[in-house]
Structures are given as structure tokens and as C-alpha cells.
Protein backbone atom coordinates (compact mmCIF):
# COMPACT_ATOMS: atom_id res chain seq x y z
CA MET A 1 14.48 10.92 2.71
CA ALA A 2 10.95 10.24 4.39
CA ASP A 3 8.34 12.54 3.42
CA GLU A 4 6.93 14.87 5.93
CA THR A 5 3.77 13.32 6.87
CA SER A 6 3.46 14.22 10.53
CA ASP A 7 3.10 11.46 13.19
CA GLU A 8 -0.30 12.34 14.18
CA THR A 9 -1.62 11.53 10.25
CA LEU A 10 0.33 8.32 10.41
CA ARG A 11 -1.15 7.33 13.56
CA GLU A 12 -4.37 8.21 11.77
CA ILE A 13 -3.84 6.00 8.83
CA LEU A 14 -2.57 3.27 10.69
CA THR A 15 -5.44 3.17 12.92
CA ARG A 16 -8.06 3.49 10.67
CA THR A 17 -7.00 1.35 7.95
CA ARG A 18 -8.20 -2.54 7.81
CA ARG A 19 -8.05 -3.50 4.34
CA ILE A 20 -4.80 -2.89 1.98
CA ALA A 21 -4.13 -3.75 -1.35
CA LEU A 22 -0.53 -4.58 -1.84
CA VAL A 23 0.72 -3.89 -5.19
CA GLY A 24 4.11 -5.78 -6.21
CA ALA A 25 3.48 -8.44 -3.64
CA SER A 26 6.27 -11.13 -4.09
CA LEU A 27 5.98 -14.61 -3.49
CA ASP A 28 9.35 -14.62 -2.58
CA GLY A 29 9.87 -14.65 1.20
CA ALA A 30 13.13 -12.71 1.17
CA ARG A 31 11.52 -9.76 -0.64
CA PRO A 32 10.31 -6.80 1.55
CA SER A 33 6.69 -6.89 0.30
CA ASN A 34 6.40 -10.37 1.27
CA ARG A 35 7.99 -9.67 4.67
CA VAL A 36 5.90 -6.56 5.15
CA GLY A 37 2.67 -8.07 3.87
CA HIS A 38 2.88 -11.22 6.27
CA TYR A 39 3.62 -8.35 8.96
CA LEU A 40 0.70 -6.60 8.30
CA VAL A 41 -1.29 -9.58 8.37
CA SER A 42 -0.12 -10.73 11.77
CA ARG A 43 -1.18 -7.27 13.21
CA GLY A 44 -4.62 -8.22 12.16
CA LEU A 45 -4.89 -6.42 8.48
CA ASN A 46 -6.40 -7.66 5.56
CA VAL A 47 -4.09 -7.66 2.94
CA VAL A 48 -4.86 -8.41 -0.61
CA PRO A 49 -2.06 -9.18 -2.74
CA VAL A 50 -1.91 -7.66 -6.41
CA ASN A 51 0.97 -9.08 -8.85
CA PRO A 52 -0.17 -9.73 -12.31
CA LEU A 53 2.84 -12.32 -12.50
CA ALA A 54 1.49 -14.46 -9.62
CA VAL A 55 -2.09 -14.50 -10.23
CA GLY A 56 -3.69 -17.42 -8.53
CA GLU A 57 -0.95 -18.26 -6.15
CA THR A 58 -1.79 -17.89 -2.62
CA LEU A 59 -0.13 -15.04 -0.61
CA PHE A 60 -1.28 -13.67 2.98
CA GLY A 61 -4.13 -16.39 2.88
CA LYS A 62 -5.45 -14.58 -0.13
CA THR A 63 -5.64 -15.71 -3.65
CA VAL A 64 -3.33 -13.03 -5.72
CA ILE A 65 -5.00 -10.88 -8.26
CA ALA A 66 -3.62 -9.30 -11.23
CA ASN A 67 -4.91 -5.66 -10.86
CA LEU A 68 -6.61 -2.93 -8.35
CA ALA A 69 -9.77 -3.59 -10.31
CA GLU A 70 -10.02 -6.67 -8.64
CA ALA A 71 -9.63 -5.69 -5.33
CA GLY A 72 -12.95 -4.53 -4.18
CA PRO A 73 -12.92 -1.82 -1.59
CA VAL A 74 -9.70 -1.04 0.50
CA ASP A 75 -8.67 1.54 2.55
CA MET A 76 -5.22 1.75 1.47
CA VAL A 77 -3.21 1.04 -1.70
CA ASP A 78 0.60 0.13 -0.61
CA ILE A 79 2.76 0.13 -3.61
CA PHE A 80 5.84 -1.89 -3.83
CA ARG A 81 6.67 -0.58 -7.39
CA ARG A 82 9.19 1.66 -8.77
CA SER A 83 8.37 5.05 -8.82
CA GLU A 84 7.90 5.36 -12.64
CA ALA A 85 5.39 2.92 -12.09
CA VAL A 86 3.30 5.06 -9.55
CA PRO A 87 1.47 7.07 -11.69
CA GLY A 88 -0.49 4.26 -13.42
CA ILE A 89 -0.96 2.72 -10.12
CA VAL A 90 -2.43 5.82 -8.56
CA GLU A 91 -4.88 6.30 -11.90
CA ASP A 92 -6.19 3.01 -10.85
CA ALA A 93 -6.41 3.50 -7.62
CA LEU A 94 -8.56 6.57 -7.67
CA ALA A 95 -11.29 4.16 -9.49
CA ILE A 96 -11.53 2.40 -5.90
CA ASP A 97 -14.41 3.49 -4.00
CA GLY A 98 -13.77 4.13 -0.32
CA LEU A 99 -10.00 4.49 -0.82
CA LYS A 100 -8.42 6.79 1.84
CA THR A 101 -4.56 6.24 1.30
CA ILE A 102 -1.92 5.86 -1.41
CA TRP A 103 1.21 4.83 0.64
CA MET A 104 4.75 4.27 -1.13
CA GLN A 105 7.06 2.33 0.13
CA LEU A 106 10.82 3.02 0.95
CA GLY A 107 12.57 4.65 -1.88
CA VAL A 108 9.58 5.21 -3.85
CA ARG A 109 8.14 8.76 -4.63
CA HIS A 110 6.50 10.44 -7.59
CA PRO A 111 5.14 14.14 -6.79
CA GLU A 112 3.03 14.32 -9.56
CA ALA A 113 1.21 11.15 -9.10
CA ALA A 114 0.99 12.15 -5.11
CA SER A 115 -0.29 15.88 -6.18
CA ALA A 116 -3.15 13.82 -8.32
CA ALA A 117 -3.93 11.34 -5.41
CA ARG A 118 -4.15 14.46 -2.70
CA ALA A 119 -6.32 16.50 -5.28
CA ALA A 120 -8.98 13.85 -5.34
CA GLY A 121 -9.10 13.97 -1.75
CA LEU A 122 -6.65 11.00 -0.59
CA THR A 123 -4.02 10.83 1.94
CA VAL A 124 -0.65 10.14 0.61
CA VAL A 125 2.73 8.97 2.18
CA GLN A 126 5.75 8.44 0.09
CA ASP A 127 9.01 6.69 0.91
CA ARG A 128 7.95 5.08 4.37
CA CYS A 129 7.10 1.66 5.41
CA PRO A 130 4.18 0.87 7.62
CA ALA A 131 6.19 -2.35 9.18
CA ILE A 132 8.71 0.57 10.31
CA GLU A 133 5.90 2.98 11.43
CA ILE A 134 3.58 0.84 13.45
CA PRO A 135 6.36 0.00 16.08
CA ARG A 136 7.95 3.44 16.12
CA LEU A 137 4.61 4.90 16.59
CA GLY A 138 3.84 2.27 19.39
CA LEU A 139 0.83 1.36 17.92
């Protein structure tokens, strides 16, 4: 079940976002994180791949980094990890200056981590995919 984020809020997020840290980026072209990352790049977004198991590889035209601390300023953290990994990712994300959005992919939800991110002033989307929402909203 997708979260209750309004279409208006989704439009705002998806039109203001320019640089995304994609946590759980996979080099495997069959994996959703790989396909979504390539889709976002094709839409003109700057996607920073984050995966400690693929550090130094090239993905989305960028070098894969180990963690969010290396990502630099990003507008959104897009999480392609299991729900139980979300609290640590959100904790790391809260240290990023200028971060506006935590986005959890399809099947990923963590109410406590979402509450912590919202309390820090971030917009949170759970259980949705920007590669689905962009065309659905006509963006």
C-alpha cells in the first residue's frame, strides 16, 4: 500500500529535485535500482550511486560511493534497501546539508524512521517509485 503523500506534494518533490543519492544502487541491469537510476538520469537528474559493495565501479556515469557521507549535497535520498535498513540510512541522511526528501521505494516502509525524518523537517515518501510517479503525474 502506497503512502498518503498527495499528488501535489509528489509533483513539488519531483520538480524541485535535481540531485539524488540512490542508496542500494545495483550494477545488475535487471535490478529495479539500476533501471530506476537510469530512468532518472534520462530525465536529466544527477544520480549519485551509493553501494559499499560496488565502490569505485561506474554507474549512471558516476563513480559508486560507499555511503551518504561521501555523497555531498543532494536534494533527495532514494532508498532501495529493505525496511529494516532504513533507520541507519535516515540517520546518515540527516547529516546532509540541504537535504529535502527521503524517498523509500516500493515495498519499503519504516514509520519510526519516517517520523524522525519529518521531525527534522524533511518530506518523506514511502512505498512509491519516482519512475512510476513521474509519468503518472505527467512530469
